[in-house]
Amino acid sequence: MSEAAAFVEAEYLVETPLDPAEVAGIMAGEQSCGTFVRVAGETDELRDRAAAHILAVEELDARPEPSLASAWQERKGFPGPWRRARVQIAYPVANMGANLPTLASTVAGNLYDLGEVSGLRLVDVRVPEAYRNRYPRPALGVAGTRERLGVQGRPFFGTIIKPNVGLSSEEIAALVETLCEAGVDFIKDDEICANPDHAPIAERVPAVMRRVRAYRERTGRDVMIAFNVTDETDAMRRHAELIEREGGSCAMASLNWCGLSAVETLRRSTPLALHGHRNGFGAFARHPALGIGFDAYQALYRLAGIDHMHVHGIGGKFSDQPAEVEAAARRSLAPLAFDATEPDPVLPVFSSGQWAGTLKTTADAVGSADFMFLAGGGILAHPDGPSAGVASLRQAYEAVAEGRTIEAHGESRPELKAAIDFFGSR
């Protein structure tokens, strides 16, 4: 293993009243072989082998007030200013092995609790390919999802079961049949509908897949259904086995609430595509001086083996800036390892208030057709019905591919024109 391949690199934004270089040293020691004093057995040889290394400290702006409280700093009576810096640290792969929770504990762990910091954000995690290869790759990813659904040269168009909860299994199955007939490529459960009493997954999966198999056999066209299997780990495996037996191709998990271990266990136990829903990500990422940025987040869950990753939407109902959404989508498609020799993209999934009129902005942000575009209201609320909603999305992408405005293209495309008239006024 080369020297570069022997380390995982992490980048942080750090805020502290101390010298940032000093704090970087504290971080490196805390997350490898050191503590606040040298202990017995901490030989020079052990340090050479197991210590983390500071790669860079780049000081940024200073702040007159701390972002977060620290009782330690209050006891010391620091007057400020609170200095900010980008810090890069390399951690020996040998310290963590192929152990995803320990990797997360190493690059994050107790760092958020250090008294010396009044702000800390894990910005990025970069892994060498030799280490990436110790973890599962996507079962389908972008190319496999295209092959499974026979979709080439355009984005995937999909939607979400609405109402989110409350429908019975048979009502959901009937809606899925309607959406298949409308021409969608992909349908997913809502994140809050996993195994409700009114539509238990053991009943819902067979009911839905009966309709999907009948549609598939009649038309020769497949539709991917992402059943929400979020649960405790053994139950998730059972749910995935049921989906596979019924001829399904995708399981969805709420990543933050299942956790890295459960998602990795699920990946290793099923050939299904894993649709990664990141609900709750704002709790980790929304404060600029705290938490985990998307680059680091996607690295951890891609190591767990997901195939699709939610990135929110541009101009939707969530708080993300357009540049954040664009960066998330492009990072999902980029190789995970910093020295990659083979691609391993995951499919970025856009949602939140999307319709035909937001498609061009999304396509421009991604820079290719390799994305999934989920439109709930944009399909189901189209004034001429779901089939027209799907048609309006395909027509909007025709305009994008031909370099035309959707308004000009809509003059000869009634479904697109109706979407512009209806959604564009809202």
Protein backbone atom coordinates (compact mmCIF):
# COMPACT_ATOMS: atom_id res chain seq x y z
CA MET A 1 0.00 0.00 0.00
CA SER A 2 1.38 3.40 -1.00
CA GLU A 3 1.84 6.12 1.61
CA ALA A 4 -1.17 8.06 0.28
CA ALA A 5 -3.31 4.92 0.31
CA ALA A 6 -2.57 4.38 4.00
CA PHE A 7 -4.55 7.41 5.17
CA VAL A 8 -8.09 8.76 5.15
CA GLU A 9 -8.11 12.54 4.88
CA ALA A 10 -10.64 14.76 6.64
CA GLU A 11 -11.20 18.49 6.26
CA TYR A 12 -12.76 20.68 8.94
CA LEU A 13 -13.89 24.22 9.54
CA VAL A 14 -12.73 25.09 13.05
CA GLU A 15 -13.52 28.11 15.25
CA THR A 16 -11.41 28.73 18.36
CA PRO A 17 -9.95 31.55 20.51
CA LEU A 18 -6.62 29.68 20.41
CA ASP A 19 -4.01 29.31 17.71
CA PRO A 20 -5.74 27.10 15.08
CA ALA A 21 -2.50 25.16 14.53
CA GLU A 22 -2.47 24.28 18.22
CA VAL A 23 -6.09 23.14 18.05
CA ALA A 24 -5.35 21.05 14.95
CA GLY A 25 -2.73 19.23 17.01
CA ILE A 26 -5.24 18.61 19.79
CA MET A 27 -7.73 17.23 17.23
CA ALA A 28 -5.18 14.91 15.67
CA GLY A 29 -4.13 13.59 19.04
CA GLU A 30 -7.70 13.16 20.34
CA GLN A 31 -8.73 11.13 17.30
CA SER A 32 -5.67 8.89 17.06
CA CYS A 33 -3.18 7.68 19.66
CA GLY A 34 -2.89 10.73 21.89
CA THR A 35 -4.70 12.28 24.82
CA PHE A 36 -4.16 15.46 26.83
CA VAL A 37 -1.00 14.00 28.43
CA ARG A 38 1.44 11.36 27.26
CA VAL A 39 0.62 7.97 28.77
CA ALA A 40 2.58 4.77 29.45
CA GLY A 41 2.99 2.68 26.33
CA GLU A 42 2.75 5.68 24.02
CA THR A 43 6.15 5.06 22.48
CA ASP A 44 7.71 6.97 19.63
CA GLU A 45 7.34 3.86 17.46
CA LEU A 46 3.60 3.67 18.24
CA ARG A 47 3.18 7.36 17.47
CA ASP A 48 4.96 7.00 14.14
CA ARG A 49 2.62 4.17 13.23
CA ALA A 50 -0.72 5.28 14.67
CA ALA A 51 -0.68 9.08 15.00
CA ALA A 52 -2.80 11.30 12.78
CA HIS A 53 -0.94 13.88 10.72
CA ILE A 54 -1.84 17.52 10.18
CA LEU A 55 -1.79 18.21 6.44
CA ALA A 56 -2.75 21.88 6.40
CA VAL A 57 -4.06 24.74 8.52
CA GLU A 58 -5.44 27.69 6.54
CA GLU A 59 -6.57 30.60 8.69
CA LEU A 60 -9.73 32.40 7.58
CA ASP A 61 -11.69 35.29 9.04
CA ALA A 62 -12.09 35.93 12.76
CA ARG A 63 -15.32 36.56 14.65
CA PRO A 64 -15.93 38.88 17.61
CA GLU A 65 -18.30 36.40 19.26
CA PRO A 66 -18.26 32.60 19.47
CA SER A 67 -20.76 30.63 17.40
CA LEU A 68 -21.34 28.11 20.18
CA ALA A 69 -20.94 28.16 23.94
CA SER A 70 -18.05 26.40 25.65
CA ALA A 71 -17.89 26.10 29.45
CA TRP A 72 -14.15 25.38 29.12
CA GLN A 73 -13.58 28.66 27.29
CA GLU A 74 -15.76 30.53 29.78
CA ARG A 75 -13.68 29.18 32.69
CA LYS A 76 -10.49 30.31 30.95
CA GLY A 77 -11.94 33.77 30.29
CA PHE A 78 -10.85 34.10 26.65
CA PRO A 79 -11.59 37.61 25.37
CA GLY A 80 -11.59 36.67 21.68
CA PRO A 81 -11.42 37.12 18.81
CA TRP A 82 -12.57 33.67 17.73
CA ARG A 83 -10.35 32.58 14.87
CA ARG A 84 -11.53 30.36 12.06
CA ALA A 85 -9.47 27.99 9.96
CA ARG A 86 -9.68 25.14 7.51
CA VAL A 87 -7.85 22.18 8.94
CA GLN A 88 -6.89 19.00 7.07
CA ILE A 89 -5.88 15.88 8.98
CA ALA A 90 -4.82 12.44 7.71
CA TYR A 91 -5.77 9.39 9.78
CA PRO A 92 -4.01 6.02 9.39
CA VAL A 93 -6.26 3.44 7.74
CA ALA A 94 -4.78 0.80 10.03
CA ASN A 95 -6.34 2.50 13.06
CA MET A 96 -9.88 1.85 11.84
CA GLY A 97 -9.73 -1.02 9.37
CA ALA A 98 -12.76 -1.68 7.18
CA ASN A 99 -15.14 -0.54 9.90
CA LEU A 100 -17.50 2.22 8.86
CA PRO A 101 -18.78 3.29 12.31
CA THR A 102 -15.17 3.49 13.51
CA LEU A 103 -14.25 5.56 10.48
CA ALA A 104 -17.06 7.96 11.39
CA SER A 105 -15.96 7.96 15.03
CA THR A 106 -12.42 8.76 13.93
CA VAL A 107 -13.14 11.67 11.60
CA ALA A 108 -15.86 13.13 13.85
CA GLY A 109 -16.35 11.50 17.25
CA ASN A 110 -15.41 13.64 20.25
CA LEU A 111 -14.21 16.56 18.16
CA TYR A 112 -17.55 18.32 18.52
CA ASP A 113 -17.20 18.23 22.31
CA LEU A 114 -13.72 19.71 22.59
CA GLY A 115 -13.71 22.73 24.88
CA GLU A 116 -11.14 24.48 22.71
CA VAL A 117 -13.58 24.86 19.82
CA SER A 118 -16.62 27.12 19.60
CA GLY A 119 -17.46 25.77 16.17
CA LEU A 120 -16.50 22.63 14.26
CA ARG A 121 -17.78 21.27 10.98
CA LEU A 122 -16.63 18.14 9.19
CA VAL A 123 -16.45 19.45 5.63
CA ASP A 124 -15.10 16.52 3.64
CA VAL A 125 -13.82 12.96 3.92
CA ARG A 126 -11.47 11.71 1.19
CA VAL A 127 -10.52 8.07 0.91
CA PRO A 128 -7.96 6.24 -1.24
CA GLU A 129 -9.23 3.63 -3.69
CA ALA A 130 -7.48 0.81 -1.84
CA TYR A 131 -9.60 1.66 1.19
CA ARG A 132 -12.75 2.33 -0.83
CA ASN A 133 -12.44 -1.19 -2.30
CA ARG A 134 -12.83 -2.69 1.16
CA TYR A 135 -16.46 -1.56 1.16
CA PRO A 136 -19.41 -2.51 -1.07
CA ARG A 137 -20.02 -0.60 -4.27
CA PRO A 138 -23.49 0.32 -5.53
CA ALA A 139 -25.46 -2.69 -6.74
CA LEU A 140 -26.97 -0.72 -9.63
CA GLY A 141 -25.77 2.87 -9.42
CA VAL A 142 -26.45 5.06 -12.44
CA ALA A 143 -25.71 2.57 -15.23
CA GLY A 144 -27.51 -0.31 -13.55
CA THR A 145 -30.60 1.76 -12.87
CA ARG A 146 -30.65 2.82 -16.52
CA GLU A 147 -30.28 -0.78 -17.66
CA ARG A 148 -32.99 -2.05 -15.32
CA LEU A 149 -35.50 0.58 -16.47
CA GLY A 150 -34.43 0.88 -20.11
CA VAL A 151 -33.99 4.64 -19.75
CA GLN A 152 -31.19 6.16 -21.82
CA GLY A 153 -30.31 9.67 -22.88
CA ARG A 154 -32.58 11.49 -20.46
CA PRO A 155 -33.18 11.89 -16.72
CA PHE A 156 -35.36 9.51 -14.75
CA PHE A 157 -38.80 10.93 -14.02
CA GLY A 158 -40.54 9.81 -10.89
CA THR A 159 -42.92 10.72 -8.13
CA ILE A 160 -43.89 10.03 -4.52
CA ILE A 161 -46.95 8.31 -3.10
CA LYS A 162 -49.30 11.06 -1.95
CA PRO A 163 -51.03 11.41 0.47
CA ASN A 164 -47.88 10.53 2.41
CA VAL A 165 -49.70 8.31 4.89
CA GLY A 166 -53.26 7.13 5.43
CA LEU A 167 -53.88 5.11 2.26
CA SER A 168 -54.52 1.38 2.53
CA SER A 169 -52.33 -1.13 0.72
CA GLU A 170 -54.90 -1.56 -2.03
CA GLU A 171 -55.35 2.18 -2.41
CA ILE A 172 -51.58 2.57 -2.75
CA ALA A 173 -51.49 -0.28 -5.29
CA ALA A 174 -54.24 1.37 -7.34
CA LEU A 175 -52.36 4.69 -7.31
CA VAL A 176 -49.15 2.93 -8.37
CA GLU A 177 -50.99 1.34 -11.28
CA THR A 178 -52.28 4.75 -12.36
CA LEU A 179 -48.77 6.20 -12.17
CA CYS A 180 -47.30 3.31 -14.16
CA GLU A 181 -49.89 3.93 -16.85
CA ALA A 182 -49.00 7.62 -16.74
CA GLY A 183 -45.45 6.76 -17.79
CA VAL A 184 -43.30 7.40 -14.71
CA ASP A 185 -40.00 5.56 -14.38
CA PHE A 186 -39.86 5.53 -10.59
CA ILE A 187 -42.26 5.69 -7.64
CA LYS A 188 -41.25 5.90 -4.01
CA ASP A 189 -42.87 5.71 -0.62
CA ASP A 190 -42.74 8.83 1.48
CA GLU A 191 -40.10 8.80 4.20
CA ILE A 192 -42.74 8.68 6.94
CA CYS A 193 -44.54 5.70 5.42
CA ALA A 194 -42.59 2.53 6.18
CA ASN A 195 -44.68 -0.02 8.04
CA PRO A 196 -47.88 1.74 9.15
CA ASP A 197 -50.80 -0.17 10.63
CA HIS A 198 -53.08 0.85 7.76
CA ALA A 199 -50.64 -0.38 5.06
CA PRO A 200 -48.17 -2.86 6.60
CA ILE A 201 -45.21 -3.57 4.38
CA ALA A 202 -45.86 -7.33 4.37
CA GLU A 203 -49.23 -6.56 2.77
CA ARG A 204 -48.28 -3.46 0.78
CA VAL A 205 -45.37 -4.94 -1.18
CA PRO A 206 -47.35 -7.89 -2.65
CA ALA A 207 -50.35 -5.66 -3.39
CA VAL A 208 -48.25 -3.11 -5.25
CA MET A 209 -46.04 -5.61 -7.05
CA ARG A 210 -49.05 -7.53 -8.40
CA ARG A 211 -50.01 -4.40 -10.29
CA VAL A 212 -46.43 -3.62 -11.34
CA ARG A 213 -45.79 -7.16 -12.63
CA ALA A 214 -49.05 -7.10 -14.60
CA TYR A 215 -48.09 -3.75 -16.12
CA ARG A 216 -44.57 -5.01 -16.89
CA GLU A 217 -45.88 -8.16 -18.59
CA ARG A 218 -48.46 -6.25 -20.61
CA THR A 219 -46.24 -3.38 -21.79
CA GLY A 220 -42.68 -4.68 -21.57
CA ARG A 221 -41.77 -1.56 -19.61
CA ASP A 222 -40.52 -1.71 -16.04
CA VAL A 223 -41.15 0.82 -13.25
CA MET A 224 -38.93 0.93 -10.17
CA ILE A 225 -40.76 1.09 -6.85
CA ALA A 226 -38.71 2.24 -3.85
CA PHE A 227 -40.42 0.61 -0.88
CA ASN A 228 -39.54 2.27 2.41
CA VAL A 229 -37.89 -0.47 4.49
CA THR A 230 -36.73 1.83 7.31
CA ASP A 231 -36.81 -0.29 10.46
CA GLU A 232 -34.45 -2.13 12.79
CA THR A 233 -31.74 -3.98 10.89
CA ASP A 234 -33.11 -7.54 10.86
CA ALA A 235 -36.53 -6.28 9.82
CA MET A 236 -34.97 -4.24 7.00
CA ARG A 237 -33.33 -7.38 5.66
CA ARG A 238 -36.65 -9.25 5.80
CA HIS A 239 -38.42 -6.41 4.00
CA ALA A 240 -35.77 -6.41 1.27
CA GLU A 241 -36.10 -10.17 0.83
CA LEU A 242 -39.86 -9.72 0.37
CA ILE A 243 -39.34 -7.04 -2.27
CA GLU A 244 -36.92 -9.29 -4.13
CA ARG A 245 -39.30 -12.28 -3.99
CA GLU A 246 -42.09 -10.14 -5.40
CA GLY A 247 -39.96 -9.03 -8.35
CA GLY A 248 -39.10 -5.56 -7.07
CA SER A 249 -35.83 -3.79 -7.62
CA CYS A 250 -35.42 -1.08 -4.96
CA ALA A 251 -35.54 -0.48 -1.23
CA MET A 252 -35.54 2.95 0.36
CA ALA A 253 -34.01 3.75 3.74
CA SER A 254 -33.99 6.90 5.87
CA LEU A 255 -30.23 6.98 6.22
CA ASN A 256 -29.88 9.14 9.30
CA TRP A 257 -32.28 7.11 11.41
CA CYS A 258 -31.10 3.67 10.30
CA GLY A 259 -27.43 4.56 10.53
CA LEU A 260 -24.29 3.52 8.73
CA SER A 261 -24.13 -0.02 10.10
CA ALA A 262 -27.71 -0.90 9.20
CA VAL A 263 -27.36 0.49 5.68
CA GLU A 264 -24.10 -1.39 5.12
CA THR A 265 -25.64 -4.61 6.45
CA LEU A 266 -28.61 -4.12 4.13
CA ARG A 267 -26.30 -3.51 1.16
CA ARG A 268 -24.34 -6.69 1.81
CA SER A 269 -27.54 -8.74 2.11
CA THR A 270 -29.51 -7.66 -0.96
CA PRO A 271 -29.00 -7.05 -4.69
CA LEU A 272 -31.71 -4.37 -4.70
CA ALA A 273 -30.92 -0.76 -5.47
CA LEU A 274 -30.71 1.19 -2.22
CA HIS A 275 -32.46 4.54 -2.43
CA GLY A 276 -30.84 6.77 0.18
CA HIS A 277 -33.22 9.31 1.69
CA ARG A 278 -31.40 11.91 3.76
CA ASN A 279 -34.35 13.31 5.76
CA GLY A 280 -33.00 14.99 8.87
CA PHE A 281 -29.80 16.05 7.13
CA GLY A 282 -30.50 19.65 8.12
CA ALA A 283 -29.87 18.74 11.75
CA PHE A 284 -26.32 17.78 10.77
CA ALA A 285 -25.62 20.46 8.20
CA ARG A 286 -27.76 23.57 8.44
CA HIS A 287 -25.61 25.57 10.90
CA PRO A 288 -22.49 26.72 9.02
CA ALA A 289 -20.21 26.32 12.05
CA LEU A 290 -21.44 22.92 13.20
CA GLY A 291 -22.12 19.41 11.99
CA ILE A 292 -21.31 17.54 8.81
CA GLY A 293 -21.22 18.97 5.29
CA PHE A 294 -22.62 17.07 2.33
CA ASP A 295 -19.22 16.11 0.92
CA ALA A 296 -18.34 14.24 4.10
CA TYR A 297 -21.85 12.87 4.51
CA GLN A 298 -22.08 11.40 1.03
CA ALA A 299 -18.66 9.78 1.40
CA LEU A 300 -19.75 7.84 4.48
CA TYR A 301 -23.03 6.62 2.99
CA ARG A 302 -21.46 5.80 -0.35
CA LEU A 303 -19.04 3.57 1.53
CA ALA A 304 -22.14 1.92 3.00
CA GLY A 305 -23.19 1.03 -0.56
CA ILE A 306 -26.16 3.19 -1.56
CA ASP A 307 -27.20 3.56 -5.21
CA HIS A 308 -29.28 6.77 -5.11
CA MET A 309 -28.80 9.87 -2.95
CA HIS A 310 -31.29 12.66 -2.29
CA VAL A 311 -29.85 16.14 -2.86
CA HIS A 312 -33.07 18.21 -2.43
CA GLY A 313 -34.11 20.54 -5.24
CA ILE A 314 -33.29 23.91 -6.71
CA GLY A 315 -35.93 26.51 -5.95
CA GLY A 316 -37.93 24.11 -3.79
CA LYS A 317 -39.32 24.31 -0.28
CA PHE A 318 -36.09 23.55 1.57
CA SER A 319 -33.39 25.90 2.83
CA ASP A 320 -30.53 24.87 0.50
CA GLN A 321 -28.92 27.46 -1.74
CA PRO A 322 -28.90 26.48 -5.45
CA ALA A 323 -25.10 26.22 -5.37
CA GLU A 324 -25.31 23.72 -2.50
CA VAL A 325 -27.72 21.50 -4.42
CA GLU A 326 -25.61 21.69 -7.57
CA ALA A 327 -22.44 20.79 -5.66
CA ALA A 328 -24.20 17.85 -3.97
CA ALA A 329 -25.39 16.45 -7.28
CA ARG A 330 -22.01 16.76 -8.96
CA ARG A 331 -20.21 15.23 -5.98
CA SER A 332 -22.58 12.25 -6.03
CA LEU A 333 -21.59 11.54 -9.63
CA ALA A 334 -17.86 12.03 -9.08
CA PRO A 335 -15.58 9.13 -8.09
CA LEU A 336 -15.55 8.58 -4.35
CA ALA A 337 -11.83 7.79 -4.02
CA PHE A 338 -9.36 10.63 -4.56
CA ASP A 339 -7.16 8.30 -6.66
CA ALA A 340 -9.98 6.41 -8.37
CA THR A 341 -9.28 4.32 -11.46
CA GLU A 342 -12.87 3.21 -12.00
CA PRO A 343 -16.18 5.09 -11.62
CA ASP A 344 -18.65 4.41 -8.81
CA PRO A 345 -21.27 7.18 -9.12
CA VAL A 346 -24.52 7.26 -7.20
CA LEU A 347 -27.60 8.75 -8.80
CA PRO A 348 -28.51 12.22 -7.47
CA VAL A 349 -32.21 12.53 -6.72
CA PHE A 350 -33.95 15.91 -6.91
CA SER A 351 -37.26 16.59 -5.21
CA SER A 352 -39.16 19.35 -3.37
CA GLY A 353 -41.51 21.46 -5.45
CA GLN A 354 -40.25 20.29 -8.84
CA TRP A 355 -42.18 20.58 -12.10
CA ALA A 356 -41.41 20.99 -15.80
CA GLY A 357 -40.38 24.61 -15.31
CA THR A 358 -37.55 23.73 -12.88
CA LEU A 359 -36.07 21.00 -15.08
CA LYS A 360 -33.71 23.17 -17.11
CA THR A 361 -32.13 24.69 -14.01
CA THR A 362 -31.64 21.20 -12.63
CA ALA A 363 -30.15 19.81 -15.84
CA ASP A 364 -27.77 22.77 -16.08
CA ALA A 365 -26.69 22.24 -12.49
CA VAL A 366 -25.91 18.55 -13.02
CA GLY A 367 -24.28 19.05 -16.41
CA SER A 368 -25.67 15.78 -17.75
CA ALA A 369 -28.84 13.68 -17.90
CA ASP A 370 -27.66 11.47 -15.02
CA PHE A 371 -30.16 12.45 -12.37
CA MET A 372 -33.57 11.48 -11.02
CA PHE A 373 -36.25 14.15 -11.04
CA LEU A 374 -39.09 13.51 -8.59
CA ALA A 375 -42.19 15.62 -9.08
CA GLY A 376 -45.07 14.99 -6.71
CA GLY A 377 -47.41 17.87 -7.42
CA GLY A 378 -45.68 18.46 -10.75
CA ILE A 379 -47.17 15.17 -11.94
CA LEU A 380 -50.17 14.46 -9.73
CA ALA A 381 -51.50 18.05 -9.73
CA HIS A 382 -51.13 18.69 -13.47
CA PRO A 383 -54.49 20.11 -14.58
CA ASP A 384 -54.86 17.42 -17.25
CA GLY A 385 -53.90 14.51 -15.00
CA PRO A 386 -50.78 12.46 -14.18
CA SER A 387 -50.14 11.28 -17.75
CA ALA A 388 -50.00 14.89 -18.89
CA GLY A 389 -47.75 15.69 -15.93
CA VAL A 390 -45.23 13.06 -17.01
CA ALA A 391 -45.52 14.17 -20.63
CA SER A 392 -44.79 17.76 -19.59
CA LEU A 393 -41.54 16.65 -17.95
CA ARG A 394 -40.40 14.74 -21.02
CA GLN A 395 -41.31 17.67 -23.23
CA ALA A 396 -39.41 20.06 -20.97
CA TYR A 397 -36.32 17.88 -21.30
CA GLU A 398 -36.76 17.85 -25.09
CA ALA A 399 -36.53 21.64 -24.92
CA VAL A 400 -33.39 21.43 -22.78
CA ALA A 401 -31.75 18.93 -25.14
CA GLU A 402 -32.61 21.06 -28.17
CA GLY A 403 -31.49 24.32 -26.55
CA ARG A 404 -34.97 25.84 -26.66
CA THR A 405 -36.91 27.61 -23.94
CA ILE A 406 -39.76 25.63 -22.46
CA GLU A 407 -42.10 28.47 -23.38
CA ALA A 408 -41.22 28.20 -27.07
CA HIS A 409 -41.34 24.41 -26.98
CA GLY A 410 -44.66 24.52 -25.14
CA GLU A 411 -46.36 26.32 -28.01
CA SER A 412 -46.57 22.98 -29.83
CA ARG A 413 -46.75 20.74 -26.75
CA PRO A 414 -50.11 21.08 -24.99
CA GLU A 415 -49.09 19.19 -21.83
CA LEU A 416 -46.06 21.43 -21.33
CA LYS A 417 -48.08 24.53 -22.11
CA ALA A 418 -50.71 23.55 -19.54
CA ALA A 419 -47.99 22.96 -16.93
CA ILE A 420 -46.47 26.39 -17.60
CA ASP A 421 -49.85 28.08 -17.34
CA PHE A 422 -50.79 26.22 -14.14
CA PHE A 423 -47.56 25.91 -12.14
CA GLY A 424 -45.84 29.00 -13.50
CA SER A 425 -48.46 31.25 -11.90
CA ARG A 426 -47.79 29.85 -8.42
